[in-house]
Amino acid sequence: MMKKTYRVGVIGSTGKGDYGHGLDTAFVGVERAEIVALADDNEPGRQKTAQRLGTPRQFADYRQMLTQERLDIVCIGPRWVTDRLAMVQAVAAAGCHIYCEKPFIADLETFDQCRTACDQAKIKFQMAHQWRASPAVQKAIAQLRSGYFGRLLRMRARPKDDKRGGGEELLVHGTHWFDLMITMAGGPQWASGHVMEGNRDATRADVRQGSEPVGPVLGDSIVAVFGFANSVRGYFDSTASTAPNVRKSQPNEMATPPWDSVYSLMVECEKVTVCFRQPGDAYVYPAGGMLPDIAALQWDKTIIPEWHFTPEHLPRNISRDWLHRGNQTMAADLIQAIEQNRVPMSPLANAGMITEMVQGVYRSHLDGGRRVAIPATDRHHPLLG
């Protein structure tokens, strides 16, 4: 019997979130997937994207696409979350499975409505967390889960610390790291946070919108702690504009180092420390913490031959295509999840817990740093009063 080919539609919005991190091409090259329709309310952007995708059927309104096309899967591409709820509800009502850009949503009330729509339609939902798709990251997660690294102790996430550092990065880059924390430690149980604006505690008067419409954000410096089962703790800390590429070195200053950010997730276990770095690499250190005085202890990069090398055994330029390859992996996993009736690699439940973690940091800070339980009983956004 010939296996089914999945008909894929793409929703984008050129100039208003575009197609996220390559979600227009996520299913390009994926076995048994065919992109047949495209919706974009910007005509020049729509035409340009259609050419890139091989000229599928085009629509100015995604609702019209959902009505006229018989689709199995829809990519919801815009980075902006302003229309996320409407798009999710419309796609779910059409009975289509979803591959969705992150960050997912701005508040828990809206998330609950998205969850209801997806649950009622009985569709599969996959977040575009390309980091976890890297074979090196997947191998490290498998080793951790098997107990090979010993007991998981703590996890520390750092974002890029560019001008978005603090509140905006808590959401837009924290989403990757929180997704991995949940994968390794299970759902978070509580959150505690301290948010600063400059050299003082942030207040509601400091609430602002991010550089893109992803909901209200607060602070340019954040320290957050999350509690998981078995005494595991996760940490997130960020201070805006401290990445070494945000300003040129001045006379008599140390030269700019040959790296552009601290973007990483450090995972400490009983036997080893694992560091995840862009573009989806994993490094293993043979101790449960860095010991600079012991020269014999060195970082070991996890090499996956088919990921790090071309078929000709030449080093692959992973930084150039890791996002697309990650999207392909997540897209293929969604198809497998549909056929096996299992939970996708980065499901809607993770998106909800990530939102809980972000909102929990703000709720805790505004309540004097008190630990707040997850899930929250108050679903209203804490920055909106």
Protein backbone atom coordinates (compact mmCIF):
# COMPACT_ATOMS: atom_id res chain seq x y z
CA MET A 1 0.00 0.00 0.00
CA MET A 2 1.34 3.43 -0.96
CA LYS A 3 1.93 5.64 2.05
CA LYS A 4 0.08 8.94 2.36
CA THR A 5 1.58 12.20 1.16
CA TYR A 6 0.78 15.05 3.55
CA ARG A 7 -0.55 18.26 2.01
CA VAL A 8 1.05 21.24 3.75
CA GLY A 9 -0.09 24.84 3.85
CA VAL A 10 2.03 27.78 5.02
CA ILE A 11 0.85 30.92 6.81
CA GLY A 12 3.18 33.92 6.84
CA SER A 13 2.86 37.67 7.16
CA THR A 14 5.62 39.59 5.42
CA GLY A 15 6.60 42.62 7.47
CA LYS A 16 4.58 41.44 10.46
CA GLY A 17 6.54 38.47 11.72
CA ASP A 18 7.31 37.07 8.26
CA TYR A 19 7.85 33.29 8.31
CA GLY A 20 9.72 33.08 11.58
CA HIS A 21 12.92 31.09 11.45
CA GLY A 22 12.46 29.46 8.06
CA LEU A 23 9.02 27.94 8.67
CA ASP A 24 8.04 28.54 5.05
CA THR A 25 10.61 25.93 3.97
CA ALA A 26 10.30 23.61 6.97
CA PHE A 27 8.69 20.82 4.93
CA VAL A 28 10.89 21.27 1.86
CA GLY A 29 12.75 17.99 1.33
CA VAL A 30 10.71 16.15 3.98
CA GLU A 31 9.67 12.70 2.81
CA ARG A 32 5.95 12.37 1.97
CA ALA A 33 5.25 16.08 2.46
CA GLU A 34 4.18 18.51 -0.26
CA ILE A 35 3.70 22.26 0.19
CA VAL A 36 0.56 22.99 -1.83
CA ALA A 37 -0.70 26.36 -0.53
CA LEU A 38 0.59 29.64 0.84
CA ALA A 39 -1.17 32.50 2.63
CA ASP A 40 0.40 35.92 3.18
CA ASP A 41 -1.45 39.24 3.48
CA ASN A 42 1.46 41.08 1.84
CA GLU A 43 1.31 40.59 -1.94
CA PRO A 44 5.00 41.20 -2.82
CA GLY A 45 6.08 39.00 0.07
CA ARG A 46 3.58 36.33 -0.92
CA GLN A 47 4.80 36.24 -4.52
CA LYS A 48 8.45 36.11 -3.50
CA THR A 49 7.80 33.27 -1.06
CA ALA A 50 5.71 31.38 -3.62
CA GLN A 51 8.62 31.46 -6.05
CA ARG A 52 10.91 30.15 -3.33
CA LEU A 53 8.49 27.31 -2.58
CA GLY A 54 7.82 26.33 -6.19
CA THR A 55 4.70 28.47 -6.68
CA PRO A 56 2.01 26.75 -4.63
CA ARG A 57 -1.56 28.11 -4.66
CA GLN A 58 -1.58 31.60 -3.17
CA PHE A 59 -4.03 33.35 -0.85
CA ALA A 60 -4.13 36.80 0.72
CA ASP A 61 -6.27 35.45 3.59
CA TYR A 62 -5.26 32.29 5.44
CA ARG A 63 -8.92 31.60 6.26
CA GLN A 64 -9.68 31.36 2.57
CA MET A 65 -6.76 28.96 2.15
CA LEU A 66 -8.10 26.76 4.94
CA THR A 67 -11.57 26.73 3.38
CA GLN A 68 -10.56 26.07 -0.22
CA GLU A 69 -7.60 23.72 0.21
CA ARG A 70 -7.66 20.20 1.59
CA LEU A 71 -4.70 20.41 3.97
CA ASP A 72 -3.25 17.98 6.48
CA ILE A 73 -0.63 20.20 8.15
CA VAL A 74 -0.26 23.98 8.41
CA CYS A 75 2.89 25.91 9.32
CA ILE A 76 2.04 29.01 11.39
CA GLY A 77 5.07 31.12 10.64
CA PRO A 78 4.85 34.71 11.94
CA ARG A 79 7.12 35.58 14.89
CA TRP A 80 4.61 38.18 16.05
CA VAL A 81 2.04 36.68 18.42
CA THR A 82 -0.66 39.27 17.74
CA ASP A 83 -2.71 36.90 15.54
CA ARG A 84 -1.55 33.61 17.04
CA LEU A 85 -4.82 32.73 18.75
CA ALA A 86 -6.93 33.42 15.67
CA MET A 87 -4.58 31.41 13.48
CA VAL A 88 -4.43 28.43 15.84
CA GLN A 89 -8.19 28.37 16.26
CA ALA A 90 -8.80 28.58 12.52
CA VAL A 91 -6.26 25.90 11.65
CA ALA A 92 -7.52 23.58 14.38
CA ALA A 93 -11.13 24.11 13.27
CA ALA A 94 -10.06 23.03 9.78
CA GLY A 95 -8.74 19.77 11.29
CA CYS A 96 -5.11 20.45 10.35
CA HIS A 97 -2.09 19.55 12.45
CA ILE A 98 0.19 22.47 13.34
CA TYR A 99 3.89 23.33 13.13
CA CYS A 100 4.24 26.67 14.90
CA GLU A 101 6.87 29.36 15.32
CA LYS A 102 8.03 30.47 18.75
CA PRO A 103 7.59 32.28 21.02
CA PHE A 104 4.15 30.77 21.08
CA ILE A 105 1.91 33.07 23.05
CA ALA A 106 2.00 36.10 25.34
CA ASP A 107 -0.22 34.99 28.24
CA LEU A 108 -1.82 31.99 29.90
CA GLU A 109 -5.42 33.01 29.17
CA THR A 110 -4.70 32.94 25.45
CA PHE A 111 -2.75 29.71 25.76
CA ASP A 112 -5.74 28.07 27.43
CA GLN A 113 -7.91 29.03 24.46
CA CYS A 114 -5.34 27.59 22.04
CA ARG A 115 -5.17 24.37 24.03
CA THR A 116 -8.95 24.04 24.00
CA ALA A 117 -9.06 24.51 20.23
CA CYS A 118 -6.35 21.89 19.62
CA ASP A 119 -7.78 19.41 22.12
CA GLN A 120 -11.28 19.66 20.67
CA ALA A 121 -9.95 19.13 17.14
CA LYS A 122 -7.72 16.24 18.30
CA ILE A 123 -4.78 17.54 16.27
CA LYS A 124 -1.03 17.21 16.83
CA PHE A 125 0.93 20.36 17.61
CA GLN A 126 4.68 20.85 17.25
CA MET A 127 6.69 23.91 18.31
CA ALA A 128 9.58 25.01 16.11
CA HIS A 129 12.29 24.41 18.70
CA GLN A 130 15.03 23.53 16.22
CA TRP A 131 17.67 23.28 18.94
CA ARG A 132 16.36 19.98 20.24
CA ALA A 133 16.42 18.54 16.71
CA SER A 134 20.21 18.50 16.57
CA PRO A 135 21.50 14.91 16.72
CA ALA A 136 24.19 15.96 19.21
CA VAL A 137 21.57 17.46 21.54
CA GLN A 138 19.31 14.43 21.13
CA LYS A 139 22.20 12.10 21.98
CA ALA A 140 23.03 14.05 25.14
CA ILE A 141 19.38 14.01 26.22
CA ALA A 142 19.21 10.24 25.66
CA GLN A 143 22.39 9.73 27.69
CA LEU A 144 21.03 11.87 30.50
CA ARG A 145 17.70 10.05 30.57
CA SER A 146 19.44 6.66 30.64
CA GLY A 147 21.42 7.64 33.74
CA TYR A 148 24.73 7.54 31.89
CA PHE A 149 25.66 10.99 33.24
CA GLY A 150 24.45 10.25 36.75
CA ARG A 151 21.70 12.19 38.48
CA LEU A 152 20.65 15.51 36.97
CA LEU A 153 21.41 18.32 39.44
CA ARG A 154 20.95 21.76 37.90
CA MET A 155 20.57 23.61 34.59
CA ARG A 156 21.68 27.16 33.79
CA ALA A 157 20.39 29.00 30.72
CA ARG A 158 22.02 32.07 29.19
CA PRO A 159 20.56 33.98 26.23
CA LYS A 160 22.43 36.19 23.80
CA ASP A 161 22.39 39.25 26.08
CA ASP A 162 22.07 41.66 23.18
CA LYS A 163 19.81 44.72 23.41
CA ARG A 164 16.84 42.40 24.02
CA GLY A 165 18.42 41.04 27.20
CA GLY A 166 16.28 40.77 30.29
CA GLY A 167 12.53 40.58 29.73
CA GLU A 168 12.40 40.14 25.97
CA GLU A 169 15.02 37.39 25.91
CA LEU A 170 13.27 35.63 28.78
CA LEU A 171 10.64 34.82 26.18
CA VAL A 172 12.24 34.84 22.73
CA HIS A 173 15.42 32.90 23.59
CA GLY A 174 14.36 31.42 26.89
CA THR A 175 11.77 29.38 24.99
CA HIS A 176 14.49 27.11 23.52
CA TRP A 177 16.21 26.55 26.86
CA PHE A 178 13.01 26.07 28.83
CA ASP A 179 11.85 23.51 26.27
CA LEU A 180 15.07 21.57 26.86
CA MET A 181 14.81 21.93 30.65
CA ILE A 182 11.30 20.45 30.53
CA THR A 183 12.53 17.62 28.31
CA MET A 184 15.30 16.73 30.76
CA ALA A 185 13.64 17.41 34.12
CA GLY A 186 9.90 17.22 33.50
CA GLY A 187 7.38 19.96 34.18
CA PRO A 188 8.37 22.90 36.42
CA GLN A 189 6.75 23.10 39.86
CA TRP A 190 7.55 26.65 40.91
CA ALA A 191 9.29 29.84 39.80
CA SER A 192 11.09 32.68 41.55
CA GLY A 193 12.42 35.81 39.89
CA HIS A 194 14.17 39.13 40.38
CA VAL A 195 13.90 41.74 37.62
CA MET A 196 15.88 44.97 37.38
CA GLU A 197 15.73 48.07 35.20
CA GLY A 198 19.17 49.63 35.22
CA ASN A 199 20.42 49.49 38.80
CA ARG A 200 17.03 49.34 40.51
CA ASP A 201 14.18 46.91 40.92
CA ALA A 202 11.79 47.01 37.97
CA THR A 203 8.22 48.16 38.62
CA ARG A 204 5.00 48.07 36.65
CA ALA A 205 5.86 51.54 35.38
CA ASP A 206 8.73 49.93 33.43
CA VAL A 207 6.51 47.52 31.48
CA ARG A 208 7.01 47.93 27.74
CA GLN A 209 6.55 46.12 24.47
CA GLY A 210 9.48 44.20 22.99
CA SER A 211 11.25 45.04 19.74
CA GLU A 212 8.58 42.88 18.09
CA PRO A 213 4.97 42.32 19.26
CA VAL A 214 5.46 39.32 21.57
CA GLY A 215 3.47 40.74 24.48
CA PRO A 216 4.54 42.99 27.37
CA VAL A 217 8.03 42.56 28.82
CA LEU A 218 9.78 43.93 31.89
CA GLY A 219 13.37 44.69 32.84
CA ASP A 220 16.80 44.70 31.23
CA SER A 221 18.30 42.26 33.75
CA ILE A 222 16.73 39.10 35.13
CA VAL A 223 17.68 36.28 37.47
CA ALA A 224 15.18 33.42 37.65
CA VAL A 225 15.07 30.07 39.43
CA PHE A 226 12.73 27.20 38.59
CA GLY A 227 12.03 24.14 40.70
CA PHE A 228 11.57 20.67 39.19
CA ALA A 229 11.02 17.22 40.70
CA ASN A 230 13.85 15.41 42.52
CA SER A 231 15.42 18.67 43.78
CA VAL A 232 16.48 19.71 40.27
CA ARG A 233 16.69 23.45 39.74
CA GLY A 234 16.87 25.48 36.57
CA TYR A 235 18.36 28.97 36.33
CA PHE A 236 18.04 31.78 33.81
CA ASP A 237 20.02 34.98 33.98
CA SER A 238 20.38 37.77 31.47
CA THR A 239 21.58 41.38 31.32
CA ALA A 240 20.96 43.44 28.20
CA SER A 241 23.74 44.77 25.98
CA THR A 242 26.55 42.80 27.60
CA ALA A 243 27.34 40.61 24.59
CA PRO A 244 30.85 41.45 23.33
CA ASN A 245 29.64 42.54 19.91
CA VAL A 246 27.31 45.30 21.14
CA ARG A 247 30.00 47.98 21.17
CA LYS A 248 33.47 48.52 19.78
CA SER A 249 36.41 48.27 22.13
CA GLN A 250 37.77 51.63 23.24
CA PRO A 251 41.45 52.54 23.66
CA ASN A 252 43.03 50.80 26.66
CA GLU A 253 40.18 48.28 26.80
CA MET A 254 40.52 44.55 26.37
CA ALA A 255 40.06 43.52 22.74
CA THR A 256 36.67 42.14 21.73
CA PRO A 257 36.81 38.36 22.20
CA PRO A 258 36.30 35.98 19.24
CA TRP A 259 32.73 35.08 20.26
CA ASP A 260 29.52 37.01 20.05
CA SER A 261 27.38 35.78 22.93
CA VAL A 262 27.11 33.50 25.95
CA TYR A 263 24.07 31.80 24.41
CA SER A 264 24.17 28.36 26.01
CA LEU A 265 22.58 25.87 28.36
CA MET A 266 24.86 24.35 31.00
CA VAL A 267 23.61 21.12 32.53
CA GLU A 268 25.33 19.74 35.63
CA CYS A 269 25.00 16.05 36.49
CA GLU A 270 26.72 13.90 39.10
CA LYS A 271 29.36 12.62 36.67
CA VAL A 272 29.62 15.26 33.94
CA THR A 273 28.72 18.77 32.87
CA VAL A 274 27.09 19.17 29.46
CA CYS A 275 27.09 22.47 27.57
CA PHE A 276 24.80 23.09 24.60
CA ARG A 277 26.05 25.76 22.21
CA GLN A 278 24.93 27.10 18.85
CA PRO A 279 24.52 25.66 16.26
CA GLY A 280 23.14 22.69 18.18
CA ASP A 281 26.42 21.32 19.47
CA ALA A 282 26.95 19.44 22.74
CA TYR A 283 30.16 19.43 24.79
CA VAL A 284 30.78 17.06 27.69
CA TYR A 285 33.12 17.83 30.60
CA PRO A 286 34.08 14.87 32.84
CA ALA A 287 33.11 16.43 36.17
CA GLY A 288 29.96 17.82 37.75
CA GLY A 289 31.29 21.36 37.44
CA MET A 290 34.25 23.21 35.88
CA LEU A 291 37.58 22.67 37.64
CA PRO A 292 40.14 25.00 36.01
CA ASP A 293 42.98 23.88 38.25
CA ILE A 294 42.86 20.31 36.89
CA ALA A 295 44.37 20.50 33.41
CA ALA A 296 43.63 16.86 32.65
CA LEU A 297 39.89 17.59 32.50
CA GLN A 298 38.92 18.75 29.02
CA TRP A 299 35.72 19.41 27.09
CA ASP A 300 34.82 16.75 24.53
CA LYS A 301 32.66 17.83 21.57
CA THR A 302 29.99 15.30 20.61
CA ILE A 303 30.53 14.47 16.94
CA ILE A 304 27.71 13.01 14.85
CA PRO A 305 29.31 12.08 11.50
CA GLU A 306 26.19 12.50 9.34
CA TRP A 307 25.49 15.89 10.97
CA HIS A 308 28.98 17.36 11.15
CA PHE A 309 30.35 16.01 7.86
CA THR A 310 29.20 15.89 4.25
CA PRO A 311 28.86 12.59 2.35
CA GLU A 312 32.33 13.38 0.99
CA HIS A 313 33.65 13.40 4.61
CA LEU A 314 34.30 17.13 4.55
CA PRO A 315 33.38 19.36 7.52
CA ARG A 316 29.84 20.62 7.06
CA ASN A 317 29.09 24.31 7.56
CA ILE A 318 26.47 23.65 10.21
CA SER A 319 26.03 27.34 11.02
CA ARG A 320 24.70 27.90 7.51
CA ASP A 321 21.96 25.27 7.41
CA TRP A 322 21.28 24.06 10.95
CA LEU A 323 17.97 25.92 11.19
CA HIS A 324 16.63 24.35 8.00
CA ARG A 325 17.86 20.90 8.96
CA GLY A 326 16.35 21.37 12.42
CA ASN A 327 13.04 22.40 10.88
CA GLN A 328 13.12 19.33 8.63
CA THR A 329 13.71 17.08 11.63
CA MET A 330 10.84 18.62 13.59
CA ALA A 331 8.56 18.48 10.54
CA ALA A 332 9.35 14.81 9.94
CA ASP A 333 8.77 14.08 13.64
CA LEU A 334 5.34 15.72 13.43
CA ILE A 335 4.39 13.40 10.57
CA GLN A 336 5.62 10.40 12.55
CA ALA A 337 3.68 11.57 15.61
CA ILE A 338 0.51 11.79 13.51
CA GLU A 339 0.96 8.28 12.13
CA GLN A 340 2.00 6.73 15.44
CA ASN A 341 -0.56 8.71 17.45
CA ARG A 342 2.09 9.86 19.88
CA VAL A 343 3.17 13.18 21.37
CA PRO A 344 5.48 15.20 19.07
CA MET A 345 8.99 16.11 20.13
CA SER A 346 8.10 19.65 21.27
CA PRO A 347 4.35 19.56 21.96
CA LEU A 348 1.74 22.11 22.94
CA ALA A 349 2.11 21.05 26.58
CA ASN A 350 5.71 22.30 26.53
CA ALA A 351 4.58 25.62 25.06
CA GLY A 352 2.18 25.97 27.96
CA MET A 353 4.80 25.19 30.60
CA ILE A 354 7.22 27.65 28.97
CA THR A 355 4.55 30.35 29.22
CA GLU A 356 4.03 29.38 32.88
CA MET A 357 7.75 29.81 33.53
CA VAL A 358 7.92 33.26 31.92
CA GLN A 359 4.77 34.50 33.66
CA GLY A 360 5.94 32.95 36.93
CA VAL A 361 9.13 35.02 36.90
CA TYR A 362 7.15 38.26 36.59
CA ARG A 363 4.51 37.22 39.11
CA SER A 364 7.22 36.29 41.62
CA HIS A 365 9.17 39.53 41.17
CA LEU A 366 6.09 41.72 41.57
CA ASP A 367 5.29 39.80 44.75
CA GLY A 368 8.67 40.50 46.31
CA GLY A 369 10.45 37.41 45.01
CA ARG A 370 8.08 34.90 46.60
CA ARG A 371 8.11 31.47 45.03
CA VAL A 372 4.98 31.00 42.91
CA ALA A 373 3.44 27.66 42.07
CA ILE A 374 3.22 26.26 38.55
CA PRO A 375 0.64 25.90 37.08
CA ALA A 376 -0.73 29.31 38.02
CA THR A 377 -4.31 29.60 39.21
CA ASP A 378 -4.46 33.23 38.07
CA ARG A 379 -4.20 33.07 34.27
CA HIS A 380 -4.15 36.86 33.74
CA HIS A 381 -0.86 38.35 32.51
CA PRO A 382 0.91 39.69 35.64
CA LEU A 383 2.31 42.71 33.75
CA LEU A 384 -1.15 43.91 32.72
CA GLY A 385 -2.30 44.71 36.25
